[in-house]
Amino acid sequence: MQQVMSEYAAGSEVAWVYRHFPLLDQHAAAASHAEAAECAGFLGDSDAFWRFIDALQSAAPGETEFPVEGYASVATQLGLPQAEFDTCLKNGRFTKKVYDDSTNAMLAGAEGAPYTVVLVDGQEPIGIQGALSYEDMKRVIAEALAKAQ
């Protein structure tokens, strides 16, 4: 999606709204990871949220789950203030946001992650269960934009 946005966002053709949808039955720490990413985004620069997520995925690829105890090393690697990061997590600053995001995703039709909804003004929403390649996502967006014209 970052690649898609680099192509479409400048022309205001596509906007991306991200919602957390932690699948706790499959990944026990998913909600914690979502909250930690929000803390990173809150405390870091505009890219810190995505860099945090990318760091977790790089350190634990595939079905491997990143250990919650490793957050401190990722926060340090990203240059985040450690004490503030720890406080953000401990105080549950983003617990409600992650819960609300998950509820919103379910109401939009999400059954798993990732779940993408393509919204084009005047068109019915297009729900996509699962991941698509960059090329397939571009095709879906191009078709939706063409229908809108």
Foldseek 3Di string as FASTA:
>chain_A
DVVVCVPPVVVPLFDDDDFQAFPCVLAVCSLVLQQLLVLLCVQDPVCRSVQSVVVQCVVAPDSGGRDPVCSQVSCVVRVGDNVSSVVSSVVVVCSVRNVVSNVVCVVVPAPDPPWDWGDDPPDDIDIDHDDDDPVVVVVVSVVVVVVVD
